[in-house]
Amino acid sequence: MKKLAIIDNSLWPDIYNPVEHWTVRIGLSWRSFRAIDGYLPDLDDGYSHLILTGSEASIVDLEPWALAEAALVKEAVERGLTILGSCYGHQLLALALAGPECVRRAPRPEIGWSRVEVLKADPLLGPAGKLFVFSSHYDEVYNLDRGRFEVLARSRHCGVQAFRLRGKNVWGLQAHPEIDPKAAGRLLRGMLKKGFPGQDLIRTALRSTPRDDRWIELISRNFVCL
């Protein structure tokens, strides 16, 4: 029986509640764990799938809870779990599997509705092509070993929008497909209130017309089948 563990990396669930966003669409038995509070899943409990959520934290300024999560991720990969990391989770996957030299501050934050190009057909991401999805990140993955990792998607301001660990059901995805326009507005307003950097970018994103191609529907369907 398939069983999902969700590692919730959010800091302020009042503005960003990734567990709610993911579980409303993924039809698996699941349990969530708040990483910031020191709770992580016991991999002996029979989990087949793992989601690492986004976070308002920075992968560059590592906290002890993130290092503990990275160690668990390595073990989950060795055990053969199907893993998806989104945004911060995408960066944490790269950190755990490739090292700190593969994550950095992004030259330009990507905030708002981004056009992502899927470079080739993929069993999780779907067919090659371009689509719109919500993004909000100040850090990024880069400098991956193309022998170990396959880069699957990119955008104008982010060269590694998605990657897969070759030979494994392990994916990182920089964007937030789980965030719909309503949730995006709540997150952006919260970022303004808490004084996040790039206030002009955040305001521009709030004023823009949402362009959501509902990538989450395809990703969630594919994820549970893997």
Protein backbone atom coordinates (compact mmCIF):
# COMPACT_ATOMS: atom_id res chain seq x y z
CA MET A 1 0.00 0.00 0.00
CA LYS A 2 1.32 3.43 -0.94
CA LYS A 3 1.84 5.84 1.94
CA LEU A 4 2.96 9.47 1.81
CA ALA A 5 5.06 11.47 4.27
CA ILE A 6 5.05 15.25 3.81
CA ILE A 7 7.89 17.19 5.39
CA ASP A 8 6.43 20.64 6.02
CA ASN A 9 9.22 23.22 5.79
CA SER A 10 6.99 26.27 6.16
CA LEU A 11 7.75 28.85 8.84
CA TRP A 12 4.44 30.76 8.92
CA PRO A 13 1.46 28.51 8.04
CA ASP A 14 -0.87 31.51 8.25
CA ILE A 15 0.55 32.80 4.97
CA TYR A 16 1.80 29.54 3.41
CA ASN A 17 0.23 26.16 4.21
CA PRO A 18 1.84 23.66 1.82
CA VAL A 19 0.37 20.56 3.44
CA GLU A 20 -3.14 21.82 2.76
CA HIS A 21 -2.24 22.71 -0.83
CA TRP A 22 -0.71 19.32 -1.64
CA THR A 23 -3.07 16.97 0.18
CA VAL A 24 -6.23 18.40 -1.35
CA ARG A 25 -5.02 16.99 -4.67
CA ILE A 26 -3.05 13.82 -3.81
CA GLY A 27 -5.15 10.79 -2.99
CA LEU A 28 -2.74 8.84 -0.81
CA SER A 29 -2.79 7.98 2.86
CA TRP A 30 -0.55 10.65 4.37
CA ARG A 31 1.00 12.16 7.46
CA SER A 32 2.80 15.50 7.77
CA PHE A 33 5.82 16.47 9.86
CA ARG A 34 6.88 20.00 10.86
CA ALA A 35 10.63 20.09 10.21
CA ILE A 36 11.19 23.40 11.99
CA ASP A 37 9.83 21.81 15.19
CA GLY A 38 12.19 18.86 14.87
CA TYR A 39 9.66 16.31 13.60
CA LEU A 40 10.65 14.04 10.72
CA PRO A 41 9.13 10.77 9.51
CA ASP A 42 10.42 7.38 10.63
CA LEU A 43 11.22 5.66 7.36
CA ASP A 44 10.59 2.29 9.00
CA ASP A 45 6.88 3.18 9.11
CA GLY A 46 6.34 2.00 5.56
CA TYR A 47 6.35 5.23 3.58
CA SER A 48 6.55 4.82 -0.19
CA HIS A 49 6.34 8.51 -1.17
CA LEU A 50 7.88 11.67 0.23
CA ILE A 51 7.17 15.35 -0.46
CA LEU A 52 9.55 18.08 0.72
CA THR A 53 7.65 21.36 0.73
CA GLY A 54 8.69 24.92 0.13
CA SER A 55 9.73 27.26 2.91
CA GLU A 56 10.23 30.92 3.72
CA ALA A 57 13.71 29.90 4.97
CA SER A 58 16.89 30.17 2.87
CA ILE A 59 18.85 27.10 1.84
CA VAL A 60 22.00 29.23 2.04
CA ASP A 61 21.48 30.02 5.74
CA LEU A 62 21.14 26.45 6.92
CA GLU A 63 19.45 25.70 10.22
CA PRO A 64 20.03 22.49 12.24
CA TRP A 65 16.54 21.23 11.35
CA ALA A 66 17.40 21.49 7.64
CA LEU A 67 20.61 19.49 8.09
CA ALA A 68 18.65 16.76 9.87
CA GLU A 69 16.16 16.72 6.99
CA ALA A 70 18.98 16.47 4.43
CA ALA A 71 20.34 13.40 6.22
CA LEU A 72 16.89 11.78 6.15
CA VAL A 73 16.55 12.58 2.44
CA LYS A 74 19.76 10.69 1.68
CA GLU A 75 18.39 7.65 3.50
CA ALA A 76 15.04 7.91 1.72
CA VAL A 77 16.81 7.93 -1.66
CA GLU A 78 18.82 4.86 -0.67
CA ARG A 79 15.61 3.08 0.32
CA GLY A 80 14.05 3.82 -3.05
CA LEU A 81 11.20 6.13 -2.04
CA THR A 82 9.46 8.23 -4.68
CA ILE A 83 10.46 11.79 -3.74
CA LEU A 84 9.34 15.23 -4.88
CA GLY A 85 10.91 18.41 -3.54
CA SER A 86 9.24 21.74 -4.35
CA CYS A 87 11.00 25.13 -4.11
CA TYR A 88 12.98 24.92 -0.83
CA GLY A 89 12.48 21.15 -0.96
CA HIS A 90 13.98 21.15 -4.48
CA GLN A 91 17.00 23.05 -3.18
CA LEU A 92 17.32 20.80 -0.13
CA LEU A 93 17.33 17.72 -2.38
CA ALA A 94 20.20 19.22 -4.39
CA LEU A 95 22.06 20.11 -1.19
CA ALA A 96 21.63 16.60 0.24
CA LEU A 97 22.54 14.74 -2.95
CA ALA A 98 25.06 17.07 -4.62
CA GLY A 99 26.45 19.28 -1.85
CA PRO A 100 26.34 22.97 -0.87
CA GLU A 101 28.22 23.98 -4.01
CA CYS A 102 25.04 23.25 -5.99
CA VAL A 103 22.80 25.82 -4.26
CA ARG A 104 23.18 29.60 -4.10
CA ARG A 105 21.41 32.95 -3.93
CA ALA A 106 19.63 33.50 -7.21
CA PRO A 107 21.05 36.40 -9.24
CA ARG A 108 17.44 37.60 -9.52
CA PRO A 109 14.51 36.49 -7.33
CA GLU A 110 11.67 34.88 -9.26
CA ILE A 111 8.34 35.99 -7.80
CA GLY A 112 4.96 35.68 -9.48
CA TRP A 113 3.60 33.79 -12.47
CA SER A 114 6.51 32.35 -14.44
CA ARG A 115 6.60 30.67 -17.82
CA VAL A 116 8.42 27.36 -17.42
CA GLU A 117 9.75 25.33 -20.30
CA VAL A 118 9.68 21.55 -19.82
CA LEU A 119 12.58 20.37 -21.95
CA LYS A 120 11.51 16.77 -22.55
CA ALA A 121 8.65 14.42 -21.76
CA ASP A 122 8.88 13.09 -18.22
CA PRO A 123 6.79 10.61 -16.19
CA LEU A 124 6.17 13.16 -13.43
CA LEU A 125 6.20 16.55 -15.19
CA GLY A 126 4.38 15.46 -18.33
CA PRO A 127 5.05 16.39 -21.96
CA ALA A 128 7.63 18.84 -23.22
CA GLY A 129 6.33 22.37 -23.70
CA LYS A 130 5.77 25.72 -21.98
CA LEU A 131 3.32 26.54 -19.20
CA PHE A 132 2.64 29.11 -16.50
CA VAL A 133 3.05 28.34 -12.81
CA PHE A 134 3.56 30.31 -9.59
CA SER A 135 7.12 30.86 -8.33
CA SER A 136 8.57 32.51 -5.24
CA HIS A 137 12.25 31.96 -4.54
CA TYR A 138 15.39 33.87 -3.67
CA ASP A 139 17.77 30.90 -3.89
CA GLU A 140 18.32 28.37 -6.66
CA VAL A 141 19.92 25.10 -7.74
CA TYR A 142 22.82 25.26 -10.19
CA ASN A 143 26.02 23.51 -11.23
CA LEU A 144 24.54 20.00 -11.15
CA ASP A 145 26.56 17.03 -12.35
CA ARG A 146 24.77 16.17 -15.60
CA GLY A 147 26.00 12.60 -15.26
CA ARG A 148 23.99 12.12 -12.06
CA PHE A 149 21.17 14.60 -12.62
CA GLU A 150 18.97 15.35 -15.59
CA VAL A 151 17.78 18.97 -15.92
CA LEU A 152 14.17 18.79 -17.07
CA ALA A 153 12.88 22.37 -17.05
CA ARG A 154 14.02 25.98 -17.07
CA SER A 155 12.62 29.50 -17.05
CA ARG A 156 13.90 32.93 -18.01
CA HIS A 157 15.47 33.60 -14.62
CA CYS A 158 16.15 30.05 -13.43
CA GLY A 159 18.23 27.53 -15.36
CA VAL A 160 17.24 24.55 -13.20
CA GLN A 161 13.48 24.70 -12.75
CA ALA A 162 13.33 20.92 -12.41
CA PHE A 163 15.72 18.01 -12.21
CA ARG A 164 15.63 14.24 -11.77
CA LEU A 165 18.20 12.02 -10.10
CA ARG A 166 19.08 9.59 -12.85
CA GLY A 167 17.84 6.04 -12.27
CA LYS A 168 15.62 7.07 -9.33
CA ASN A 169 12.08 8.36 -8.81
CA VAL A 170 13.51 11.52 -7.27
CA TRP A 171 12.54 14.95 -8.61
CA GLY A 172 13.19 18.55 -7.63
CA LEU A 173 10.86 21.29 -8.86
CA GLN A 174 11.65 24.96 -8.21
CA ALA A 175 8.15 26.32 -8.85
CA HIS A 176 5.04 26.03 -6.66
CA PRO A 177 2.46 24.17 -8.78
CA GLU A 178 0.42 23.54 -5.62
CA ILE A 179 -0.22 27.28 -5.13
CA ASP A 180 -3.34 28.52 -6.92
CA PRO A 181 -4.15 32.23 -7.48
CA LYS A 182 -5.97 32.62 -4.15
CA ALA A 183 -3.14 31.03 -2.17
CA ALA A 184 -0.59 33.06 -4.15
CA GLY A 185 -2.29 36.30 -3.15
CA ARG A 186 -2.26 35.30 0.52
CA LEU A 187 1.42 34.39 0.35
CA LEU A 188 2.44 37.58 -1.46
CA ARG A 189 0.53 39.81 0.95
CA GLY A 190 2.16 37.97 3.85
CA MET A 191 5.59 38.47 2.30
CA LEU A 192 4.94 42.21 2.06
CA LYS A 193 3.77 42.38 5.67
CA LYS A 194 6.82 40.48 6.95
CA GLY A 195 9.22 42.66 5.00
CA PHE A 196 10.62 40.13 2.56
CA PRO A 197 13.30 41.42 0.16
CA GLY A 198 12.26 42.49 -3.31
CA GLN A 199 9.18 44.42 -2.24
CA ASP A 200 8.76 45.94 -5.72
CA LEU A 201 8.79 42.46 -7.29
CA ILE A 202 6.20 41.27 -4.77
CA ARG A 203 3.92 44.25 -5.47
CA THR A 204 4.27 43.72 -9.21
CA ALA A 205 3.30 40.07 -8.80
CA LEU A 206 0.25 41.06 -6.75
CA ARG A 207 -0.88 43.50 -9.43
CA SER A 208 -0.37 41.04 -12.28
CA THR A 209 -3.09 38.84 -13.76
CA PRO A 210 -2.64 35.25 -12.51
CA ARG A 211 -1.60 32.80 -15.22
CA ASP A 212 -1.98 29.31 -13.81
CA ASP A 213 -2.00 26.39 -16.25
CA ARG A 214 -2.94 23.95 -13.45
CA TRP A 215 0.25 21.94 -13.74
CA ILE A 216 -0.53 20.56 -10.28
CA GLU A 217 -3.32 18.40 -11.68
CA LEU A 218 -0.94 16.50 -13.96
CA ILE A 219 1.89 16.32 -11.42
CA SER A 220 -0.34 15.04 -8.61
CA ARG A 221 -1.89 12.35 -10.83
CA ASN A 222 1.49 11.18 -12.04
CA PHE A 223 3.08 11.28 -8.58
CA VAL A 224 0.67 8.79 -7.01
CA CYS A 225 1.24 6.33 -9.89
CA LEU A 226 5.01 6.21 -9.49
